[in-house]
């Protein structure tokens, strides 16, 4: 059962790739390398609502994407979070962090986001799409 992507995601992110369970989108925030995983399941707002096999697949995809983010953005620090306060559709944030980023050690939400310039967007989107294309599951 495929889920329509919430319109808030469409406004604030860009398509990267599809995995078996999730669609990957890059968040439009130049301050942090940041993706979200959106399970392709209709009406699911929490991990507990996924079927057992989907829960296992979600964890595998989180680990897979986390490893790609670490390697692509040369960091060992990640924030991996499921929040859903504003957009209830189940989605997982994977954010590459560095001790030198603008909010360290606080969460990324404490500062206003900054959209990519068109050039930065194209470069980062291409970089991340290439990383996911090489490691397609």
C-alpha atoms as a PDB file:
ATOM      1  CA  UNK A   1       0.000   0.000   0.000  1.00  0.00           C
ATOM      2  CA  UNK A   2       1.712   3.187  -1.178  1.00  0.00           C
ATOM      3  CA  UNK A   3       1.297   6.395   0.798  1.00  0.00           C
ATOM      4  CA  UNK A   4       0.941   9.843  -0.738  1.00  0.00           C
ATOM      5  CA  UNK A   5       3.738  12.072   0.480  1.00  0.00           C
ATOM      6  CA  UNK A   6       2.471  14.821   2.763  1.00  0.00           C
ATOM      7  CA  UNK A   7       2.409  18.231   1.022  1.00  0.00           C
ATOM      8  CA  UNK A   8       4.624  19.693   3.788  1.00  0.00           C
ATOM      9  CA  UNK A   9       7.355  17.232   2.754  1.00  0.00           C
ATOM     10  CA  UNK A  10       6.996  18.266  -0.883  1.00  0.00           C
ATOM     11  CA  UNK A  11       7.515  21.934   0.034  1.00  0.00           C
ATOM     12  CA  UNK A  12      10.484  21.401   2.360  1.00  0.00           C
ATOM     13  CA  UNK A  13      12.384  18.527   0.751  1.00  0.00           C
ATOM     14  CA  UNK A  14      13.577  16.984  -2.489  1.00  0.00           C
ATOM     15  CA  UNK A  15      13.276  13.434  -3.809  1.00  0.00           C
ATOM     16  CA  UNK A  16      16.432  11.327  -3.481  1.00  0.00           C
ATOM     17  CA  UNK A  17      15.520   7.674  -4.035  1.00  0.00           C
ATOM     18  CA  UNK A  18      13.204   4.820  -3.138  1.00  0.00           C
ATOM     19  CA  UNK A  19      14.042   1.807  -1.025  1.00  0.00           C
ATOM     20  CA  UNK A  20      11.893  -1.286  -0.509  1.00  0.00           C
ATOM     21  CA  UNK A  21       9.811   0.336   2.267  1.00  0.00           C
ATOM     22  CA  UNK A  22      10.707   4.021   2.290  1.00  0.00           C
ATOM     23  CA  UNK A  23      11.031   7.010   0.040  1.00  0.00           C
ATOM     24  CA  UNK A  24      14.118   9.099   0.834  1.00  0.00           C
ATOM     25  CA  UNK A  25      13.898  12.896   0.637  1.00  0.00           C
ATOM     26  CA  UNK A  26      16.567  15.499   1.363  1.00  0.00           C
ATOM     27  CA  UNK A  27      15.470  18.336   3.637  1.00  0.00           C
ATOM     28  CA  UNK A  28      16.057  21.807   2.196  1.00  0.00           C
ATOM     29  CA  UNK A  29      18.279  23.097   5.009  1.00  0.00           C
ATOM     30  CA  UNK A  30      21.798  24.173   4.061  1.00  0.00           C
ATOM     31  CA  UNK A  31      22.923  24.126   7.711  1.00  0.00           C
ATOM     32  CA  UNK A  32      22.863  20.313   7.973  1.00  0.00           C
ATOM     33  CA  UNK A  33      23.038  17.288   5.665  1.00  0.00           C
ATOM     34  CA  UNK A  34      19.562  15.907   6.398  1.00  0.00           C
ATOM     35  CA  UNK A  35      17.308  13.256   4.930  1.00  0.00           C
ATOM     36  CA  UNK A  36      13.972  11.800   5.907  1.00  0.00           C
ATOM     37  CA  UNK A  37      12.722   8.275   5.328  1.00  0.00           C
ATOM     38  CA  UNK A  38       8.989   8.043   4.654  1.00  0.00           C
ATOM     39  CA  UNK A  39       7.468   4.552   4.746  1.00  0.00           C
ATOM     40  CA  UNK A  40       5.198   3.909   1.767  1.00  0.00           C
ATOM     41  CA  UNK A  41       2.238   2.883   3.890  1.00  0.00           C
ATOM     42  CA  UNK A  42      -1.097   4.715   3.970  1.00  0.00           C
ATOM     43  CA  UNK A  43      -2.283   6.254   7.234  1.00  0.00           C
ATOM     44  CA  UNK A  44       0.695   5.189   9.357  1.00  0.00           C
ATOM     45  CA  UNK A  45       1.663   7.744  12.000  1.00  0.00           C
ATOM     46  CA  UNK A  46       3.787   5.644  14.346  1.00  0.00           C
ATOM     47  CA  UNK A  47       6.289   2.796  14.108  1.00  0.00           C
ATOM     48  CA  UNK A  48       4.000   0.659  16.272  1.00  0.00           C
ATOM     49  CA  UNK A  49       1.358   0.822  13.522  1.00  0.00           C
ATOM     50  CA  UNK A  50       3.635  -0.902  11.008  1.00  0.00           C
ATOM     51  CA  UNK A  51       3.335  -4.633  10.456  1.00  0.00           C
ATOM     52  CA  UNK A  52       6.133  -6.699  11.977  1.00  0.00           C
ATOM     53  CA  UNK A  53       8.047  -7.241   8.719  1.00  0.00           C
ATOM     54  CA  UNK A  54       7.780  -3.536   7.892  1.00  0.00           C
ATOM     55  CA  UNK A  55       9.193  -2.617  11.320  1.00  0.00           C
ATOM     56  CA  UNK A  56      12.191  -4.864  10.680  1.00  0.00           C
ATOM     57  CA  UNK A  57      12.601  -3.430   7.174  1.00  0.00           C
ATOM     58  CA  UNK A  58      12.412   0.121   8.556  1.00  0.00           C
ATOM     59  CA  UNK A  59      15.267  -0.564  10.977  1.00  0.00           C
ATOM     60  CA  UNK A  60      17.360  -2.056   8.151  1.00  0.00           C
ATOM     61  CA  UNK A  61      16.714   1.000   5.992  1.00  0.00           C
ATOM     62  CA  UNK A  62      17.538   3.399   8.849  1.00  0.00           C
ATOM     63  CA  UNK A  63      20.882   1.636   9.365  1.00  0.00           C
ATOM     64  CA  UNK A  64      21.568   1.545   5.615  1.00  0.00           C
ATOM     65  CA  UNK A  65      20.809   5.277   5.208  1.00  0.00           C
ATOM     66  CA  UNK A  66      22.732   6.165   8.362  1.00  0.00           C
ATOM     67  CA  UNK A  67      25.841   4.436   7.030  1.00  0.00           C
ATOM     68  CA  UNK A  68      25.538   6.285   3.720  1.00  0.00           C
ATOM     69  CA  UNK A  69      25.087   9.635   5.491  1.00  0.00           C
ATOM     70  CA  UNK A  70      28.146   8.989   7.693  1.00  0.00           C
ATOM     71  CA  UNK A  71      30.316   8.091   4.721  1.00  0.00           C
ATOM     72  CA  UNK A  72      29.014  10.775   2.350  1.00  0.00           C
ATOM     73  CA  UNK A  73      29.271  13.623   4.859  1.00  0.00           C
ATOM     74  CA  UNK A  74      32.349  12.306   6.711  1.00  0.00           C
ATOM     75  CA  UNK A  75      30.941  12.227  10.225  1.00  0.00           C
ATOM     76  CA  UNK A  76      30.393   9.672  12.942  1.00  0.00           C
ATOM     77  CA  UNK A  77      27.677  11.763  14.582  1.00  0.00           C
ATOM     78  CA  UNK A  78      24.049  11.371  13.534  1.00  0.00           C
ATOM     79  CA  UNK A  79      20.713  12.420  14.928  1.00  0.00           C
ATOM     80  CA  UNK A  80      18.137   9.752  14.057  1.00  0.00           C
ATOM     81  CA  UNK A  81      14.684  10.782  15.169  1.00  0.00           C
ATOM     82  CA  UNK A  82      10.988  10.114  14.779  1.00  0.00           C
ATOM     83  CA  UNK A  83       9.023  13.137  15.920  1.00  0.00           C
ATOM     84  CA  UNK A  84       5.870  13.878  13.931  1.00  0.00           C
ATOM     85  CA  UNK A  85       4.602  16.854  15.944  1.00  0.00           C
ATOM     86  CA  UNK A  86       3.882  18.954  12.854  1.00  0.00           C
ATOM     87  CA  UNK A  87       3.516  16.278  10.157  1.00  0.00           C
ATOM     88  CA  UNK A  88       1.875  13.186  11.651  1.00  0.00           C
ATOM     89  CA  UNK A  89       2.750  10.921   8.689  1.00  0.00           C
ATOM     90  CA  UNK A  90       5.449   8.514   9.892  1.00  0.00           C
ATOM     91  CA  UNK A  91       8.904   9.716   8.899  1.00  0.00           C
ATOM     92  CA  UNK A  92      12.399   9.297  10.287  1.00  0.00           C
ATOM     93  CA  UNK A  93      14.941  12.131  10.296  1.00  0.00           C
ATOM     94  CA  UNK A  94      18.608  11.263   9.726  1.00  0.00           C
ATOM     95  CA  UNK A  95      20.817  14.304  10.228  1.00  0.00           C
ATOM     96  CA  UNK A  96      24.603  14.311   9.847  1.00  0.00           C
ATOM     97  CA  UNK A  97      26.108  16.404  12.636  1.00  0.00           C
ATOM     98  CA  UNK A  98      29.549  17.775  13.430  1.00  0.00           C
ATOM     99  CA  UNK A  99      30.784  19.361  16.627  1.00  0.00           C
ATOM    100  CA  UNK A 100      31.460  22.470  14.549  1.00  0.00           C
ATOM    101  CA  UNK A 101      27.899  22.907  13.231  1.00  0.00           C
ATOM    102  CA  UNK A 102      25.874  25.994  14.133  1.00  0.00           C
ATOM    103  CA  UNK A 103      23.802  24.458  16.933  1.00  0.00           C
ATOM    104  CA  UNK A 104      26.131  21.879  18.442  1.00  0.00           C
ATOM    105  CA  UNK A 105      25.371  20.243  20.872  1.00  0.00           C
ATOM    106  CA  UNK A 106      21.729  21.370  20.740  1.00  0.00           C
ATOM    107  CA  UNK A 107      19.066  19.915  18.422  1.00  0.00           C
ATOM    108  CA  UNK A 108      18.868  21.267  14.867  1.00  0.00           C
ATOM    109  CA  UNK A 109      15.443  22.778  15.561  1.00  0.00           C
ATOM    110  CA  UNK A 110      16.783  25.510  17.864  1.00  0.00           C
ATOM    111  CA  UNK A 111      17.802  27.682  14.901  1.00  0.00           C
ATOM    112  CA  UNK A 112      15.862  28.841  11.883  1.00  0.00           C
ATOM    113  CA  UNK A 113      16.557  26.736   8.814  1.00  0.00           C
ATOM    114  CA  UNK A 114      18.371  28.173   5.814  1.00  0.00           C
ATOM    115  CA  UNK A 115      17.354  27.037   2.343  1.00  0.00           C
ATOM    116  CA  UNK A 116      20.020  25.943  -0.085  1.00  0.00           C
ATOM    117  CA  UNK A 117      20.959  28.290  -2.903  1.00  0.00           C
ATOM    118  CA  UNK A 118      20.046  26.769  -6.245  1.00  0.00           C
ATOM    119  CA  UNK A 119      23.707  25.836  -6.847  1.00  0.00           C
ATOM    120  CA  UNK A 120      24.137  24.299  -3.350  1.00  0.00           C
ATOM    121  CA  UNK A 121      20.861  22.416  -3.741  1.00  0.00           C
ATOM    122  CA  UNK A 122      21.892  20.920  -7.060  1.00  0.00           C
ATOM    123  CA  UNK A 123      25.347  19.955  -5.754  1.00  0.00           C
ATOM    124  CA  UNK A 124      24.094  18.362  -2.523  1.00  0.00           C
ATOM    125  CA  UNK A 125      21.158  16.630  -4.159  1.00  0.00           C
ATOM    126  CA  UNK A 126      23.428  15.183  -6.827  1.00  0.00           C
ATOM    127  CA  UNK A 127      25.953  14.100  -4.179  1.00  0.00           C
ATOM    128  CA  UNK A 128      23.356  12.336  -2.060  1.00  0.00           C
ATOM    129  CA  UNK A 129      21.505  10.784  -5.017  1.00  0.00           C
ATOM    130  CA  UNK A 130      24.808   9.418  -6.318  1.00  0.00           C
ATOM    131  CA  UNK A 131      25.605   7.922  -2.885  1.00  0.00           C
ATOM    132  CA  UNK A 132      22.215   6.195  -2.747  1.00  0.00           C
ATOM    133  CA  UNK A 133      22.389   5.021  -6.342  1.00  0.00           C
ATOM    134  CA  UNK A 134      25.746   3.334  -5.671  1.00  0.00           C
ATOM    135  CA  UNK A 135      24.377   1.571  -2.585  1.00  0.00           C
ATOM    136  CA  UNK A 136      20.864   0.730  -3.825  1.00  0.00           C
ATOM    137  CA  UNK A 137      19.221  -2.091  -1.847  1.00  0.00           C
END
